[in-house]
């Protein structure tokens, strides 16, 4: 069973050197991502959204500050963590099963095959495991990427514009499917997105990054599943946008 972890970020600073001068996307950032919740991070391009995600994932190291993962007992621990990118990044020479299986390649059989079967079932791709990436639609390819992220049963899921490359209809379908997945397999999710409506549709809290820190926070107290026909979705999206540009 997946453990529940909160993410504690304390005084995090990350800068990059450029010819025109240093850029500091994150400066003395302190915040928490609650355990078992979906938190969305929005902001203008270059505000540090992806930089923050890379710090949490351990891809990059901060200049200063710390990131701590805390389990339900209040102790620091090392969670299982997965990342879903905007592009599914599938290996063209591998079929769907092998693209998912690579994430658990060190697991013994028959556990490995069972895990892959469960992940493909979870994202609605049971029976398509022998297909190759060039035979998949954009939505199906992204499902494979999601299955690969979920096959190891992560405690924390990081999503970097994971639905951004999809058309509007496919995106709405995957929103519903993603919420259904979280009902079956709860976990802590950090969702980076440029799309305010997406943030409202999927998350329980929206954070806006600007000038190196958190400028705004909004709680999204709406029942799941959500859809665009819900008046509250439009109202909250407009509220966030109006305060975003205030």
Foldseek 3Di string as FASTA:
>chain_A
DAFWKKKWWAQFWAWDQDPVGIGTLAGRATDMFGTLFEEEEAEDPSNCQVVVVCCQVVVDPTPDTDMFIATPVRDTDDWFEFEAEQQLPADQVAFLLVSLLVLVVVDDPPLSVVLSQVLCVLLVNVPRRRHGPVVDDRLVSLSSSVSSRPSVPTQEYEYHNSLVVDDPVSSQVVLQSVVVSCVVRTHGYYYYHNDLLSSLQHGQKYFYGHPNYTDDIDGNPDDPRDDPVDVVSVVVSVVVVVVNVD
